[in-house]
């Protein structure tokens, strides 16, 4: 999923490696498993892609595509938690 985010940011948002590293650093505090009910993953558009207490997103292709789009959107319009 993060590889997809990286690819989209490089190809479609003209982000360089430093920009992507800074963005992923902001995501880092939210990468704990299991996913808590009050996490960024459950209170944003990403909520449909994560179940409470899951250790990974829902692995259906449509969920992974959606999650990449959500996270890429956070690059330019981050939720308040970031």
N, C-alpha and C. Protein backbone atom coordinates (compact mmCIF):
# COMPACT_ATOMS: atom_id res chain seq x y z
N UNK A 1 0.82 -1.17 0.00
CA UNK A 1 0.00 0.00 0.00
C UNK A 1 0.88 1.24 0.00
N UNK A 2 1.89 1.29 0.87
CA UNK A 2 2.77 2.46 0.90
C UNK A 2 3.59 2.58 -0.38
N UNK A 3 3.90 1.45 -1.00
CA UNK A 3 4.59 1.50 -2.30
C UNK A 3 3.69 2.17 -3.33
N UNK A 4 2.40 1.88 -3.29
CA UNK A 4 1.45 2.53 -4.19
C UNK A 4 1.35 4.02 -3.93
N UNK A 5 1.35 4.41 -2.65
CA UNK A 5 1.34 5.83 -2.30
C UNK A 5 2.60 6.51 -2.83
N UNK A 6 3.74 5.88 -2.60
CA UNK A 6 5.01 6.43 -3.08
C UNK A 6 4.96 6.64 -4.60
N UNK A 7 4.52 5.62 -5.31
CA UNK A 7 4.44 5.70 -6.77
C UNK A 7 3.52 6.84 -7.22
N UNK A 8 2.34 6.93 -6.64
CA UNK A 8 1.40 7.99 -7.02
C UNK A 8 1.97 9.38 -6.73
N UNK A 9 2.61 9.55 -5.60
CA UNK A 9 3.18 10.86 -5.26
C UNK A 9 4.29 11.24 -6.23
N UNK A 10 5.12 10.28 -6.61
CA UNK A 10 6.22 10.57 -7.54
C UNK A 10 5.69 10.87 -8.94
N UNK A 11 4.76 10.07 -9.40
CA UNK A 11 4.30 10.16 -10.79
C UNK A 11 3.27 11.25 -11.02
N UNK A 12 2.37 11.47 -10.07
CA UNK A 12 1.24 12.35 -10.32
C UNK A 12 1.20 13.61 -9.47
N UNK A 13 2.13 13.73 -8.53
CA UNK A 13 2.13 14.90 -7.65
C UNK A 13 3.49 15.59 -7.60
N UNK A 14 4.40 15.14 -8.45
CA UNK A 14 5.75 15.73 -8.54
C UNK A 14 6.45 15.81 -7.20
N UNK A 15 6.19 14.88 -6.30
CA UNK A 15 6.86 14.85 -5.00
C UNK A 15 8.24 14.24 -5.17
N UNK A 16 9.21 14.81 -4.51
CA UNK A 16 10.55 14.23 -4.54
C UNK A 16 10.72 13.33 -3.31
N UNK A 17 11.86 12.66 -3.24
CA UNK A 17 12.08 11.71 -2.15
C UNK A 17 12.01 12.37 -0.78
N UNK A 18 12.54 13.58 -0.66
CA UNK A 18 12.52 14.28 0.62
C UNK A 18 11.09 14.60 1.05
N UNK A 19 10.26 15.01 0.10
CA UNK A 19 8.85 15.29 0.40
C UNK A 19 8.12 14.03 0.87
N UNK A 20 8.39 12.93 0.20
CA UNK A 20 7.73 11.67 0.53
C UNK A 20 8.21 11.16 1.89
N UNK A 21 9.49 11.29 2.16
CA UNK A 21 10.01 10.89 3.48
C UNK A 21 9.35 11.72 4.57
N UNK A 22 9.24 13.02 4.36
CA UNK A 22 8.59 13.88 5.36
C UNK A 22 7.13 13.47 5.56
N UNK A 23 6.44 13.14 4.49
CA UNK A 23 5.04 12.72 4.58
C UNK A 23 4.92 11.39 5.31
N UNK A 24 5.76 10.42 4.96
CA UNK A 24 5.73 9.13 5.63
C UNK A 24 6.10 9.27 7.11
N UNK A 25 6.96 10.22 7.44
CA UNK A 25 7.31 10.47 8.84
C UNK A 25 6.09 10.93 9.63
N UNK A 26 5.22 11.72 9.00
CA UNK A 26 3.98 12.14 9.65
C UNK A 26 3.04 10.96 9.87
N UNK A 27 3.08 10.00 8.96
CA UNK A 27 2.23 8.81 9.09
C UNK A 27 2.76 7.84 10.15
N UNK A 28 4.05 7.87 10.40
CA UNK A 28 4.69 6.90 11.28
C UNK A 28 4.00 6.70 12.62
N UNK A 29 3.62 7.74 13.35
CA UNK A 29 2.98 7.52 14.65
C UNK A 29 1.63 6.79 14.56
N UNK A 30 1.08 6.68 13.37
CA UNK A 30 -0.24 6.07 13.18
C UNK A 30 -0.15 4.64 12.62
N UNK A 31 1.06 4.11 12.60
CA UNK A 31 1.28 2.81 11.95
C UNK A 31 1.31 1.65 12.95
N UNK A 32 0.76 1.84 14.13
CA UNK A 32 0.74 0.78 15.13
C UNK A 32 -0.35 -0.24 14.82
N UNK A 33 -0.09 -1.45 15.22
CA UNK A 33 -1.09 -2.51 15.11
C UNK A 33 -1.28 -3.10 16.49
N UNK A 34 -2.47 -3.51 16.81
CA UNK A 34 -3.69 -3.47 16.00
C UNK A 34 -4.25 -2.06 15.90
N UNK A 35 -5.12 -1.87 14.93
CA UNK A 35 -5.74 -0.58 14.68
C UNK A 35 -6.77 -0.30 15.77
N UNK A 36 -6.54 0.76 16.51
CA UNK A 36 -7.45 1.12 17.60
C UNK A 36 -8.70 1.80 17.04
N UNK A 37 -9.77 1.72 17.77
CA UNK A 37 -11.03 2.32 17.35
C UNK A 37 -10.96 3.82 17.21
N UNK A 38 -10.03 4.47 17.89
CA UNK A 38 -9.92 5.93 17.82
C UNK A 38 -8.77 6.39 16.92
N UNK A 39 -8.25 5.51 16.09
CA UNK A 39 -7.10 5.85 15.24
C UNK A 39 -7.51 6.64 14.00
N UNK A 40 -6.52 7.22 13.36
CA UNK A 40 -6.72 7.97 12.11
C UNK A 40 -7.36 7.07 11.05
N UNK A 41 -7.08 5.80 11.13
CA UNK A 41 -7.59 4.85 10.12
C UNK A 41 -9.08 4.58 10.30
N UNK A 42 -9.61 4.86 11.49
CA UNK A 42 -11.02 4.61 11.75
C UNK A 42 -11.87 5.87 11.74
N UNK A 43 -11.23 7.05 11.67
CA UNK A 43 -11.99 8.31 11.75
C UNK A 43 -11.74 9.22 10.56
N UNK A 44 -11.40 8.62 9.44
CA UNK A 44 -11.22 9.35 8.18
C UNK A 44 -11.86 8.51 7.08
N UNK A 45 -11.67 8.92 5.85
CA UNK A 45 -12.20 8.14 4.73
C UNK A 45 -11.58 6.74 4.65
N UNK A 46 -10.48 6.53 5.37
CA UNK A 46 -9.83 5.21 5.39
C UNK A 46 -10.61 4.20 6.22
N UNK A 47 -11.64 4.64 6.93
CA UNK A 47 -12.34 3.74 7.86
C UNK A 47 -12.93 2.51 7.17
N UNK A 48 -13.33 2.64 5.92
CA UNK A 48 -13.89 1.48 5.23
C UNK A 48 -12.83 0.44 4.88
N UNK A 49 -11.57 0.80 5.03
CA UNK A 49 -10.48 -0.10 4.67
C UNK A 49 -9.83 -0.78 5.86
N UNK A 50 -10.28 -0.45 7.07
CA UNK A 50 -9.71 -1.03 8.29
C UNK A 50 -10.82 -1.46 9.23
N UNK A 51 -10.63 -2.60 9.84
CA UNK A 51 -11.52 -3.05 10.90
C UNK A 51 -10.83 -2.80 12.23
N UNK A 52 -11.61 -2.56 13.26
CA UNK A 52 -11.06 -2.36 14.60
C UNK A 52 -10.27 -3.60 15.00
N UNK A 53 -9.11 -3.37 15.59
CA UNK A 53 -8.21 -4.42 16.07
C UNK A 53 -7.55 -5.22 14.95
N UNK A 54 -7.66 -4.76 13.71
CA UNK A 54 -6.97 -5.42 12.61
C UNK A 54 -5.49 -5.03 12.64
N UNK A 55 -4.66 -5.89 12.10
CA UNK A 55 -3.24 -5.59 12.01
C UNK A 55 -2.84 -5.11 10.62
N UNK A 56 -3.79 -5.08 9.71
CA UNK A 56 -3.53 -4.66 8.33
C UNK A 56 -4.85 -4.21 7.72
N UNK A 57 -4.78 -3.47 6.62
CA UNK A 57 -6.03 -3.09 5.96
C UNK A 57 -6.73 -4.31 5.37
N UNK A 58 -7.99 -4.11 5.04
CA UNK A 58 -8.74 -5.14 4.31
C UNK A 58 -7.99 -5.35 2.99
N UNK A 59 -7.71 -6.58 2.65
CA UNK A 59 -6.82 -6.87 1.53
C UNK A 59 -7.52 -7.07 0.18
N UNK A 60 -8.77 -6.67 0.08
CA UNK A 60 -9.42 -6.72 -1.23
C UNK A 60 -8.83 -5.63 -2.11
N UNK A 61 -8.71 -5.90 -3.38
CA UNK A 61 -8.11 -4.95 -4.32
C UNK A 61 -8.78 -3.59 -4.25
N UNK A 62 -10.09 -3.56 -4.21
CA UNK A 62 -10.79 -2.28 -4.20
C UNK A 62 -10.48 -1.48 -2.93
N UNK A 63 -10.28 -2.17 -1.81
CA UNK A 63 -9.93 -1.48 -0.57
C UNK A 63 -8.51 -0.90 -0.65
N UNK A 64 -7.60 -1.67 -1.19
CA UNK A 64 -6.23 -1.19 -1.30
C UNK A 64 -6.13 0.01 -2.25
N UNK A 65 -6.84 -0.05 -3.35
CA UNK A 65 -6.86 1.08 -4.30
C UNK A 65 -7.45 2.30 -3.61
N UNK A 66 -8.54 2.12 -2.90
CA UNK A 66 -9.18 3.22 -2.20
C UNK A 66 -8.25 3.81 -1.16
N UNK A 67 -7.59 2.96 -0.39
CA UNK A 67 -6.71 3.42 0.67
C UNK A 67 -5.53 4.21 0.11
N UNK A 68 -4.97 3.76 -0.99
CA UNK A 68 -3.89 4.52 -1.63
C UNK A 68 -4.40 5.91 -2.01
N UNK A 69 -5.58 6.00 -2.60
CA UNK A 69 -6.15 7.30 -2.98
C UNK A 69 -6.36 8.19 -1.77
N UNK A 70 -6.86 7.61 -0.68
CA UNK A 70 -7.09 8.39 0.55
C UNK A 70 -5.78 8.96 1.07
N UNK A 71 -4.78 8.10 1.19
CA UNK A 71 -3.50 8.55 1.75
C UNK A 71 -2.81 9.54 0.83
N UNK A 72 -2.88 9.33 -0.46
CA UNK A 72 -2.32 10.31 -1.41
C UNK A 72 -3.03 11.66 -1.23
N UNK A 73 -4.32 11.64 -1.01
CA UNK A 73 -5.07 12.87 -0.77
C UNK A 73 -4.61 13.60 0.48
N UNK A 74 -4.17 12.84 1.48
CA UNK A 74 -3.65 13.44 2.70
C UNK A 74 -2.36 14.22 2.47
N UNK A 75 -1.65 13.91 1.39
CA UNK A 75 -0.40 14.61 1.09
C UNK A 75 -0.64 16.11 0.95
N UNK A 76 -1.69 16.48 0.24
CA UNK A 76 -1.98 17.90 0.03
C UNK A 76 -3.08 18.43 0.94
N UNK A 77 -3.87 17.53 1.52
CA UNK A 77 -4.97 17.94 2.39
C UNK A 77 -5.03 16.99 3.59
N UNK A 78 -4.08 17.12 4.53
CA UNK A 78 -4.01 16.16 5.63
C UNK A 78 -5.14 16.33 6.63
N UNK A 79 -5.56 15.21 7.24
CA UNK A 79 -6.54 15.31 8.32
C UNK A 79 -5.89 15.97 9.53
N UNK A 80 -6.68 16.41 10.45
CA UNK A 80 -6.15 17.14 11.62
C UNK A 80 -5.19 16.27 12.43
N UNK A 81 -5.33 14.96 12.40
CA UNK A 81 -4.45 14.07 13.16
C UNK A 81 -3.02 14.09 12.64
N UNK A 82 -2.82 14.51 11.38
CA UNK A 82 -1.47 14.58 10.82
C UNK A 82 -0.94 15.97 11.03
